[in-house]
Amino acid sequence: ELFMPAEYENKASIGFELNSLKQQWSEKITEIFEIAALPSPKSME
């Protein structure tokens, strides 16, 4: 749900773009999960 924009998120026009954040977030999470020996986000797609 974090990256599924509601209508108001798409139309507010205030410099807030969720689609561009998903890959960045996934990369950060993957990095920490690898150190913590936890499953990667990719394995839970």
All heavy atoms as atom14 arrays in JSON, in Angstrom:
{
  "sequence": "ELFMPAEYENKASIGFELNSLKQQWSEKITEIFEIAALPSPKSME",
  "atom14_mask": [
    [1, 1, 1, 1, 1, 1, 1, 1, 1, 0, 0, 0, 0, 0],
    [1, 1, 1, 1, 1, 1, 1, 1, 0, 0, 0, 0, 0, 0],
    [1, 1, 1, 1, 1, 1, 1, 1, 1, 1, 1, 0, 0, 0],
    [1, 1, 1, 1, 1, 1, 1, 1, 0, 0, 0, 0, 0, 0],
    [1, 1, 1, 1, 1, 1, 1, 0, 0, 0, 0, 0, 0, 0],
    [1, 1, 1, 1, 1, 0, 0, 0, 0, 0, 0, 0, 0, 0],
    [1, 1, 1, 1, 1, 1, 1, 1, 1, 0, 0, 0, 0, 0],
    [1, 1, 1, 1, 1, 1, 1, 1, 1, 1, 1, 1, 0, 0],
    [1, 1, 1, 1, 1, 1, 1, 1, 1, 0, 0, 0, 0, 0],
    [1, 1, 1, 1, 1, 1, 1, 1, 0, 0, 0, 0, 0, 0],
    [1, 1, 1, 1, 1, 1, 1, 1, 1, 0, 0, 0, 0, 0],
    [1, 1, 1, 1, 1, 0, 0, 0, 0, 0, 0, 0, 0, 0],
    [1, 1, 1, 1, 1, 1, 0, 0, 0, 0, 0, 0, 0, 0],
    [1, 1, 1, 1, 1, 1, 1, 1, 0, 0, 0, 0, 0, 0],
    [1, 1, 1, 1, 0, 0, 0, 0, 0, 0, 0, 0, 0, 0],
    [1, 1, 1, 1, 1, 1, 1, 1, 1, 1, 1, 0, 0, 0],
    [1, 1, 1, 1, 1, 1, 1, 1, 1, 0, 0, 0, 0, 0],
    [1, 1, 1, 1, 1, 1, 1, 1, 0, 0, 0, 0, 0, 0],
    [1, 1, 1, 1, 1, 1, 1, 1, 0, 0, 0, 0, 0, 0],
    [1, 1, 1, 1, 1, 1, 0, 0, 0, 0, 0, 0, 0, 0],
    [1, 1, 1, 1, 1, 1, 1, 1, 0, 0, 0, 0, 0, 0],
    [1, 1, 1, 1, 1, 1, 1, 1, 1, 0, 0, 0, 0, 0],
    [1, 1, 1, 1, 1, 1, 1, 1, 1, 0, 0, 0, 0, 0],
    [1, 1, 1, 1, 1, 1, 1, 1, 1, 0, 0, 0, 0, 0],
    [1, 1, 1, 1, 1, 1, 1, 1, 1, 1, 1, 1, 1, 1],
    [1, 1, 1, 1, 1, 1, 0, 0, 0, 0, 0, 0, 0, 0],
    [1, 1, 1, 1, 1, 1, 1, 1, 1, 0, 0, 0, 0, 0],
    [1, 1, 1, 1, 1, 1, 1, 1, 1, 0, 0, 0, 0, 0],
    [1, 1, 1, 1, 1, 1, 1, 1, 0, 0, 0, 0, 0, 0],
    [1, 1, 1, 1, 1, 1, 1, 0, 0, 0, 0, 0, 0, 0],
    [1, 1, 1, 1, 1, 1, 1, 1, 1, 0, 0, 0, 0, 0],
    [1, 1, 1, 1, 1, 1, 1, 1, 0, 0, 0, 0, 0, 0],
    [1, 1, 1, 1, 1, 1, 1, 1, 1, 1, 1, 0, 0, 0],
    [1, 1, 1, 1, 1, 1, 1, 1, 1, 0, 0, 0, 0, 0],
    [1, 1, 1, 1, 1, 1, 1, 1, 0, 0, 0, 0, 0, 0],
    [1, 1, 1, 1, 1, 0, 0, 0, 0, 0, 0, 0, 0, 0],
    [1, 1, 1, 1, 1, 0, 0, 0, 0, 0, 0, 0, 0, 0],
    [1, 1, 1, 1, 1, 1, 1, 1, 0, 0, 0, 0, 0, 0],
    [1, 1, 1, 1, 1, 1, 1, 0, 0, 0, 0, 0, 0, 0],
    [1, 1, 1, 1, 1, 1, 0, 0, 0, 0, 0, 0, 0, 0],
    [1, 1, 1, 1, 1, 1, 1, 0, 0, 0, 0, 0, 0, 0],
    [1, 1, 1, 1, 1, 1, 1, 1, 1, 0, 0, 0, 0, 0],
    [1, 1, 1, 1, 1, 1, 0, 0, 0, 0, 0, 0, 0, 0],
    [1, 1, 1, 1, 1, 1, 1, 1, 0, 0, 0, 0, 0, 0],
    [1, 1, 1, 1, 1, 1, 1, 1, 1, 0, 0, 0, 0, 0]
  ],
  "atom14_positions": [
    [[0.82, -1.22, 0.0], [0.0, 0.0, 0.0], [0.85, 1.27, 0.0], [0.4, 2.32, -0.46], [-0.93, 0.0, 1.23], [-1.88, 1.17, 1.26], [-2.73, 1.2, 2.51], [-2.25, 0.74, 3.58], [-3.87, 1.68, 2.44], [0.0, 0.0, 0.0], [0.0, 0.0, 0.0], [0.0, 0.0, 0.0], [0.0, 0.0, 0.0], [0.0, 0.0, 0.0]],
    [[2.08, 1.18, 0.52], [2.94, 2.35, 0.58], [3.08, 3.02, -0.79], [3.14, 4.24, -0.89], [4.34, 1.97, 1.09], [4.46, 1.25, 2.43], [5.91, 0.97, 2.76], [3.8, 2.04, 3.55], [0.0, 0.0, 0.0], [0.0, 0.0, 0.0], [0.0, 0.0, 0.0], [0.0, 0.0, 0.0], [0.0, 0.0, 0.0], [0.0, 0.0, 0.0]],
    [[3.12, 2.19, -1.83], [3.43, 2.7, -3.16], [2.25, 2.6, -4.13], [2.43, 2.66, -5.34], [4.65, 1.95, -3.72], [5.85, 2.06, -2.8], [6.18, 1.02, -1.97], [6.58, 3.23, -2.76], [7.27, 1.13, -1.1], [7.66, 3.35, -1.89], [8.0, 2.3, -1.07], [0.0, 0.0, 0.0], [0.0, 0.0, 0.0], [0.0, 0.0, 0.0]],
    [[1.05, 2.43, -3.58], [-0.15, 2.47, -4.4], [-0.84, 3.8, -4.15], [-1.56, 3.96, -3.17], [-1.09, 1.32, -4.03], [-0.51, -0.05, -4.29], [-1.65, -1.38, -3.79], [-0.62, -2.83, -4.07], [0.0, 0.0, 0.0], [0.0, 0.0, 0.0], [0.0, 0.0, 0.0], [0.0, 0.0, 0.0], [0.0, 0.0, 0.0], [0.0, 0.0, 0.0]],
    [[-0.59, 4.8, -5.0], [-1.08, 6.15, -4.72], [-2.59, 6.26, -4.75], [-3.25, 5.7, -5.62], [-0.43, 7.0, -5.83], [-0.13, 6.03, -6.92], [0.19, 4.73, -6.25], [0.0, 0.0, 0.0], [0.0, 0.0, 0.0], [0.0, 0.0, 0.0], [0.0, 0.0, 0.0], [0.0, 0.0, 0.0], [0.0, 0.0, 0.0], [0.0, 0.0, 0.0]],
    [[-3.12, 6.96, -3.75], [-4.54, 7.32, -3.77], [-4.73, 8.47, -4.74], [-3.77, 9.12, -5.16], [-4.99, 7.72, -2.37], [0.0, 0.0, 0.0], [0.0, 0.0, 0.0], [0.0, 0.0, 0.0], [0.0, 0.0, 0.0], [0.0, 0.0, 0.0], [0.0, 0.0, 0.0], [0.0, 0.0, 0.0], [0.0, 0.0, 0.0], [0.0, 0.0, 0.0]],
    [[-5.97, 8.73, -5.1], [-6.25, 9.79, -6.07], [-5.69, 11.13, -5.61], [-5.12, 11.89, -6.4], [-7.76, 9.91, -6.29], [-8.14, 10.93, -7.34], [-9.64, 10.98, -7.59], [-10.38, 10.28, -6.88], [-10.07, 11.73, -8.49], [0.0, 0.0, 0.0], [0.0, 0.0, 0.0], [0.0, 0.0, 0.0], [0.0, 0.0, 0.0], [0.0, 0.0, 0.0]],
    [[-5.83, 11.43, -4.32], [-5.35, 12.72, -3.83], [-3.82, 12.82, -3.88], [-3.27, 13.91, -4.0], [-5.86, 13.01, -2.42], [-5.6, 11.93, -1.39], [-4.36, 11.8, -0.77], [-6.61, 11.05, -1.01], [-4.13, 10.82, 0.19], [-6.39, 10.08, -0.06], [-5.15, 9.97, 0.54], [-4.92, 8.98, 1.5], [0.0, 0.0, 0.0], [0.0, 0.0, 0.0]],
    [[-3.12, 11.7, -3.8], [-1.66, 11.74, -3.92], [-1.24, 12.04, -5.35], [-0.25, 12.74, -5.58], [-1.06, 10.4, -3.46], [-1.17, 10.16, -1.97], [-0.61, 8.81, -1.56], [-1.25, 7.79, -1.9], [0.45, 8.78, -0.92], [0.0, 0.0, 0.0], [0.0, 0.0, 0.0], [0.0, 0.0, 0.0], [0.0, 0.0, 0.0], [0.0, 0.0, 0.0]],
    [[-1.99, 11.54, -6.29], [-1.68, 11.8, -7.7], [-1.99, 13.23, -8.11], [-1.31, 13.8, -8.98], [-2.46, 10.85, -8.61], [-1.85, 9.46, -8.66], [-0.65, 9.3, -8.54], [-2.7, 8.45, -8.82], [0.0, 0.0, 0.0], [0.0, 0.0, 0.0], [0.0, 0.0, 0.0], [0.0, 0.0, 0.0], [0.0, 0.0, 0.0], [0.0, 0.0, 0.0]],
    [[-3.01, 13.82, -7.49], [-3.51, 15.11, -7.96], [-3.12, 16.31, -7.11], [-3.44, 17.44, -7.45], [-5.04, 15.05, -8.08], [-5.53, 14.07, -9.14], [-7.03, 14.11, -9.28], [-7.51, 13.17, -10.39], [-8.98, 13.21, -10.54], [0.0, 0.0, 0.0], [0.0, 0.0, 0.0], [0.0, 0.0, 0.0], [0.0, 0.0, 0.0], [0.0, 0.0, 0.0]],
    [[-2.45, 16.07, -5.98], [-2.11, 17.18, -5.09], [-1.08, 18.13, -5.71], [-1.04, 19.32, -5.39], [-1.61, 16.66, -3.75], [0.0, 0.0, 0.0], [0.0, 0.0, 0.0], [0.0, 0.0, 0.0], [0.0, 0.0, 0.0], [0.0, 0.0, 0.0], [0.0, 0.0, 0.0], [0.0, 0.0, 0.0], [0.0, 0.0, 0.0], [0.0, 0.0, 0.0]],
    [[-0.2, 17.61, -6.57], [0.77, 18.42, -7.3], [1.63, 19.28, -6.38], [1.71, 20.5, -6.52], [0.04, 19.34, -8.31], [-0.71, 18.58, -9.22], [0.0, 0.0, 0.0], [0.0, 0.0, 0.0], [0.0, 0.0, 0.0], [0.0, 0.0, 0.0], [0.0, 0.0, 0.0], [0.0, 0.0, 0.0], [0.0, 0.0, 0.0], [0.0, 0.0, 0.0]],
    [[2.3, 18.63, -5.45], [3.15, 19.39, -4.52], [4.55, 18.79, -4.45], [5.26, 18.94, -3.46], [2.54, 19.41, -3.1], [2.24, 17.99, -2.62], [1.3, 20.27, -3.07], [1.74, 17.92, -1.21], [0.0, 0.0, 0.0], [0.0, 0.0, 0.0], [0.0, 0.0, 0.0], [0.0, 0.0, 0.0], [0.0, 0.0, 0.0], [0.0, 0.0, 0.0]],
    [[4.98, 18.11, -5.5], [6.32, 17.57, -5.51], [6.44, 16.26, -4.76], [7.43, 16.01, -4.07], [0.0, 0.0, 0.0], [0.0, 0.0, 0.0], [0.0, 0.0, 0.0], [0.0, 0.0, 0.0], [0.0, 0.0, 0.0], [0.0, 0.0, 0.0], [0.0, 0.0, 0.0], [0.0, 0.0, 0.0], [0.0, 0.0, 0.0], [0.0, 0.0, 0.0]],
    [[5.45, 15.41, -4.89], [5.37, 14.17, -4.13], [5.07, 13.05, -5.11], [3.96, 12.94, -5.61], [4.25, 14.32, -3.1], [4.08, 13.17, -2.16], [4.75, 13.14, -0.96], [3.22, 12.14, -2.46], [4.58, 12.1, -0.08], [3.03, 11.09, -1.58], [3.72, 11.07, -0.38], [0.0, 0.0, 0.0], [0.0, 0.0, 0.0], [0.0, 0.0, 0.0]],
    [[6.06, 12.22, -5.42], [5.91, 11.21, -6.46], [6.29, 9.84, -5.92], [7.46, 9.53, -5.69], [6.8, 11.57, -7.66], [6.78, 10.56, -8.78], [5.37, 10.24, -9.25], [4.67, 11.15, -9.68], [4.98, 9.05, -9.15], [0.0, 0.0, 0.0], [0.0, 0.0, 0.0], [0.0, 0.0, 0.0], [0.0, 0.0, 0.0], [0.0, 0.0, 0.0]],
    [[5.26, 9.0, -5.68], [5.51, 7.69, -5.07], [6.2, 6.72, -6.0], [7.05, 5.93, -5.57], [4.17, 7.07, -4.62], [3.58, 7.57, -3.3], [2.27, 6.85, -3.04], [4.54, 7.34, -2.15], [0.0, 0.0, 0.0], [0.0, 0.0, 0.0], [0.0, 0.0, 0.0], [0.0, 0.0, 0.0], [0.0, 0.0, 0.0], [0.0, 0.0, 0.0]],
    [[5.85, 6.74, -7.27], [6.39, 5.75, -8.2], [7.9, 5.76, -8.26], [8.54, 4.72, -8.45], [5.8, 5.98, -9.61], [4.31, 5.7, -9.66], [3.8, 4.9, -8.89], [3.62, 6.37, -10.56], [0.0, 0.0, 0.0], [0.0, 0.0, 0.0], [0.0, 0.0, 0.0], [0.0, 0.0, 0.0], [0.0, 0.0, 0.0], [0.0, 0.0, 0.0]],
    [[8.5, 6.93, -8.1], [9.95, 7.03, -8.17], [10.64, 6.55, -6.9], [11.86, 6.42, -6.87], [10.36, 8.49, -8.45], [10.01, 9.32, -7.37], [0.0, 0.0, 0.0], [0.0, 0.0, 0.0], [0.0, 0.0, 0.0], [0.0, 0.0, 0.0], [0.0, 0.0, 0.0], [0.0, 0.0, 0.0], [0.0, 0.0, 0.0], [0.0, 0.0, 0.0]],
    [[9.86, 6.31, -5.84], [10.45, 5.94, -4.55], [10.52, 4.43, -4.32], [11.32, 3.97, -3.5], [9.64, 6.57, -3.42], [9.54, 8.09, -3.38], [8.74, 8.54, -2.17], [10.91, 8.73, -3.37], [0.0, 0.0, 0.0], [0.0, 0.0, 0.0], [0.0, 0.0, 0.0], [0.0, 0.0, 0.0], [0.0, 0.0, 0.0], [0.0, 0.0, 0.0]],
    [[9.67, 3.68, -5.0], [9.58, 2.25, -4.7], [10.91, 1.53, -4.88], [11.31, 0.73, -4.02], [8.51, 1.6, -5.59], [8.27, 0.14, -5.25], [7.1, -0.43, -6.04], [6.83, -1.88, -5.63], [5.68, -2.45, -6.37], [0.0, 0.0, 0.0], [0.0, 0.0, 0.0], [0.0, 0.0, 0.0], [0.0, 0.0, 0.0], [0.0, 0.0, 0.0]],
    [[11.61, 1.8, -5.97], [12.88, 1.14, -6.23], [13.92, 1.54, -5.19], [14.68, 0.69, -4.7], [13.38, 1.49, -7.64], [14.67, 0.79, -8.03], [14.54, -0.73, -8.06], [13.48, -1.26, -8.37], [15.61, -1.43, -7.72], [0.0, 0.0, 0.0], [0.0, 0.0, 0.0], [0.0, 0.0, 0.0], [0.0, 0.0, 0.0], [0.0, 0.0, 0.0]],
    [[13.96, 2.82, -4.83], [14.91, 3.27, -3.81], [14.64, 2.59, -2.48], [15.57, 2.15, -1.8], [14.8, 4.79, -3.64], [15.19, 5.6, -4.85], [15.01, 7.09, -4.59], [15.59, 7.65, -3.67], [14.18, 7.74, -5.4], [0.0, 0.0, 0.0], [0.0, 0.0, 0.0], [0.0, 0.0, 0.0], [0.0, 0.0, 0.0], [0.0, 0.0, 0.0]],
    [[13.37, 2.53, -2.1], [13.0, 1.91, -0.83], [13.38, 0.43, -0.83], [13.95, -0.07, 0.13], [11.49, 2.07, -0.62], [10.97, 1.5, 0.66], [10.97, 2.1, 1.89], [10.32, 0.22, 0.83], [10.37, 1.27, 2.82], [9.96, 0.12, 2.2], [10.0, -0.82, -0.03], [9.3, -1.0, 2.71], [9.35, -1.92, 0.47], [9.02, -2.02, 1.82]],
    [[13.08, -0.26, -1.92], [13.39, -1.69, -2.02], [14.89, -1.93, -1.91], [15.33, -2.89, -1.24], [12.86, -2.23, -3.34], [13.09, -3.62, -3.45], [0.0, 0.0, 0.0], [0.0, 0.0, 0.0], [0.0, 0.0, 0.0], [0.0, 0.0, 0.0], [0.0, 0.0, 0.0], [0.0, 0.0, 0.0], [0.0, 0.0, 0.0], [0.0, 0.0, 0.0]],
    [[15.69, -1.07, -2.51], [17.14, -1.23, -2.43], [17.66, -1.05, -1.01], [18.53, -1.8, -0.55], [17.82, -0.23, -3.38], [17.63, -0.56, -4.86], [18.16, 0.53, -5.76], [18.64, 1.56, -5.25], [18.1, 0.35, -7.0], [0.0, 0.0, 0.0], [0.0, 0.0, 0.0], [0.0, 0.0, 0.0], [0.0, 0.0, 0.0], [0.0, 0.0, 0.0]],
    [[17.14, -0.05, -0.32], [17.55, 0.19, 1.06], [17.15, -0.99, 1.96], [17.92, -1.44, 2.8], [16.91, 1.47, 1.58], [17.35, 2.73, 0.87], [18.76, 3.11, 1.21], [19.14, 4.46, 0.61], [20.54, 4.82, 0.91], [0.0, 0.0, 0.0], [0.0, 0.0, 0.0], [0.0, 0.0, 0.0], [0.0, 0.0, 0.0], [0.0, 0.0, 0.0]],
    [[15.91, -1.45, 1.79], [15.41, -2.57, 2.59], [16.23, -3.82, 2.32], [16.62, -4.55, 3.23], [13.92, -2.84, 2.26], [13.06, -1.64, 2.66], [13.43, -4.1, 2.97], [12.98, -1.36, 4.12], [0.0, 0.0, 0.0], [0.0, 0.0, 0.0], [0.0, 0.0, 0.0], [0.0, 0.0, 0.0], [0.0, 0.0, 0.0], [0.0, 0.0, 0.0]],
    [[16.52, -4.09, 1.06], [17.3, -5.27, 0.68], [18.67, -5.25, 1.34], [19.15, -6.28, 1.84], [17.47, -5.33, -0.85], [16.18, -5.45, -1.45], [18.32, -6.52, -1.26], [0.0, 0.0, 0.0], [0.0, 0.0, 0.0], [0.0, 0.0, 0.0], [0.0, 0.0, 0.0], [0.0, 0.0, 0.0], [0.0, 0.0, 0.0], [0.0, 0.0, 0.0]],
    [[19.3, -4.1, 1.35], [20.63, -3.97, 1.96], [20.62, -4.35, 3.44], [21.48, -5.1, 3.91], [21.12, -2.53, 1.79], [22.49, -2.27, 2.36], [22.92, -0.83, 2.2], [22.35, -0.12, 1.34], [23.82, -0.39, 2.94], [0.0, 0.0, 0.0], [0.0, 0.0, 0.0], [0.0, 0.0, 0.0], [0.0, 0.0, 0.0], [0.0, 0.0, 0.0]],
    [[19.63, -3.85, 4.17], [19.54, -4.16, 5.6], [19.15, -5.61, 5.83], [19.69, -6.29, 6.71], [18.53, -3.21, 6.28], [19.02, -1.76, 6.2], [18.29, -3.62, 7.73], [20.36, -1.51, 6.87], [0.0, 0.0, 0.0], [0.0, 0.0, 0.0], [0.0, 0.0, 0.0], [0.0, 0.0, 0.0], [0.0, 0.0, 0.0], [0.0, 0.0, 0.0]],
    [[18.21, -6.11, 5.03], [17.76, -7.49, 5.2], [18.89, -8.49, 4.92], [18.97, -9.53, 5.57], [16.58, -7.78, 4.27], [15.25, -7.26, 4.78], [15.19, -6.41, 5.87], [14.06, -7.62, 4.17], [13.97, -5.93, 6.35], [12.84, -7.15, 4.64], [12.8, -6.31, 5.72], [0.0, 0.0, 0.0], [0.0, 0.0, 0.0], [0.0, 0.0, 0.0]],
    [[19.75, -8.18, 3.97], [20.88, -9.08, 3.69], [21.8, -9.18, 4.89], [22.26, -10.27, 5.26], [21.65, -8.57, 2.47], [20.94, -8.84, 1.15], [21.74, -8.33, -0.04], [22.79, -7.66, 0.18], [21.33, -8.59, -1.19], [0.0, 0.0, 0.0], [0.0, 0.0, 0.0], [0.0, 0.0, 0.0], [0.0, 0.0, 0.0], [0.0, 0.0, 0.0]],
    [[22.09, -8.06, 5.52], [22.95, -8.07, 6.72], [22.26, -8.8, 7.86], [22.91, -9.49, 8.66], [23.3, -6.62, 7.14], [24.0, -5.88, 5.99], [24.19, -6.62, 8.38], [24.22, -4.41, 6.26], [0.0, 0.0, 0.0], [0.0, 0.0, 0.0], [0.0, 0.0, 0.0], [0.0, 0.0, 0.0], [0.0, 0.0, 0.0], [0.0, 0.0, 0.0]],
    [[20.94, -8.65, 7.93], [20.17, -9.26, 9.03], [19.8, -10.71, 8.74], [19.13, -11.35, 9.56], [18.9, -8.47, 9.27], [0.0, 0.0, 0.0], [0.0, 0.0, 0.0], [0.0, 0.0, 0.0], [0.0, 0.0, 0.0], [0.0, 0.0, 0.0], [0.0, 0.0, 0.0], [0.0, 0.0, 0.0], [0.0, 0.0, 0.0], [0.0, 0.0, 0.0]],
    [[20.23, -11.25, 7.6], [19.93, -12.63, 7.21], [18.42, -12.88, 7.1], [17.92, -13.95, 7.46], [20.55, -13.62, 8.21], [0.0, 0.0, 0.0], [0.0, 0.0, 0.0], [0.0, 0.0, 0.0], [0.0, 0.0, 0.0], [0.0, 0.0, 0.0], [0.0, 0.0, 0.0], [0.0, 0.0, 0.0], [0.0, 0.0, 0.0], [0.0, 0.0, 0.0]],
    [[17.71, -11.89, 6.59], [16.27, -12.0, 6.39], [15.96, -12.12, 4.89], [16.78, -11.71, 4.06], [15.55, -10.77, 6.96], [15.61, -10.6, 8.48], [15.02, -9.25, 8.89], [14.88, -11.74, 9.19], [0.0, 0.0, 0.0], [0.0, 0.0, 0.0], [0.0, 0.0, 0.0], [0.0, 0.0, 0.0], [0.0, 0.0, 0.0], [0.0, 0.0, 0.0]],
    [[14.82, -12.68, 4.52], [14.48, -12.83, 3.1], [14.47, -11.49, 2.39], [14.07, -10.46, 2.95], [13.07, -13.43, 3.15], [12.99, -14.1, 4.47], [13.79, -13.26, 5.41], [0.0, 0.0, 0.0], [0.0, 0.0, 0.0], [0.0, 0.0, 0.0], [0.0, 0.0, 0.0], [0.0, 0.0, 0.0], [0.0, 0.0, 0.0], [0.0, 0.0, 0.0]],
    [[14.88, -11.47, 1.15], [14.92, -10.24, 0.38], [13.52, -9.88, -0.1], [12.67, -10.76, -0.28], [15.84, -10.39, -0.83], [15.27, -11.29, -1.77], [0.0, 0.0, 0.0], [0.0, 0.0, 0.0], [0.0, 0.0, 0.0], [0.0, 0.0, 0.0], [0.0, 0.0, 0.0], [0.0, 0.0, 0.0], [0.0, 0.0, 0.0], [0.0, 0.0, 0.0]],
    [[13.26, -8.58, -0.31], [11.96, -8.17, -0.86], [11.61, -8.88, -2.16], [10.45, -9.18, -2.41], [12.14, -6.67, -1.06], [13.15, -6.28, -0.02], [14.1, -7.43, 0.05], [0.0, 0.0, 0.0], [0.0, 0.0, 0.0], [0.0, 0.0, 0.0], [0.0, 0.0, 0.0], [0.0, 0.0, 0.0], [0.0, 0.0, 0.0], [0.0, 0.0, 0.0]],
    [[12.62, -9.16, -2.97], [12.37, -9.8, -4.26], [11.76, -11.19, -4.08], [10.93, -11.62, -4.88], [13.68, -9.9, -5.04], [13.49, -10.3, -6.5], [14.78, -10.17, -7.29], [14.55, -10.48, -8.76], [15.78, -10.34, -9.56], [0.0, 0.0, 0.0], [0.0, 0.0, 0.0], [0.0, 0.0, 0.0], [0.0, 0.0, 0.0], [0.0, 0.0, 0.0]],
    [[12.15, -11.89, -3.02], [11.63, -13.23, -2.78], [10.19, -13.22, -2.3], [9.55, -14.26, -2.22], [12.5, -13.96, -1.76], [12.35, -13.39, -0.46], [0.0, 0.0, 0.0], [0.0, 0.0, 0.0], [0.0, 0.0, 0.0], [0.0, 0.0, 0.0], [0.0, 0.0, 0.0], [0.0, 0.0, 0.0], [0.0, 0.0, 0.0], [0.0, 0.0, 0.0]],
    [[9.69, -12.03, -1.95], [8.32, -11.9, -1.42], [7.41, -11.15, -2.38], [6.36, -10.64, -1.98], [8.36, -11.21, -0.06], [9.14, -11.99, 1.0], [9.18, -11.17, 2.61], [10.4, -9.88, 2.3], [0.0, 0.0, 0.0], [0.0, 0.0, 0.0], [0.0, 0.0, 0.0], [0.0, 0.0, 0.0], [0.0, 0.0, 0.0], [0.0, 0.0, 0.0]],
    [[7.79, -11.07, -3.64], [7.04, -10.29, -4.62], [5.63, -10.83, -4.87], [4.74, -10.08, -5.27], [7.81, -10.24, -5.95], [9.02, -9.32, -5.91], [9.74, -9.28, -7.24], [9.46, -10.16, -8.09], [10.59, -8.39, -7.44], [0.0, 0.0, 0.0], [0.0, 0.0, 0.0], [0.0, 0.0, 0.0], [0.0, 0.0, 0.0], [0.0, 0.0, 0.0]]
  ]
}
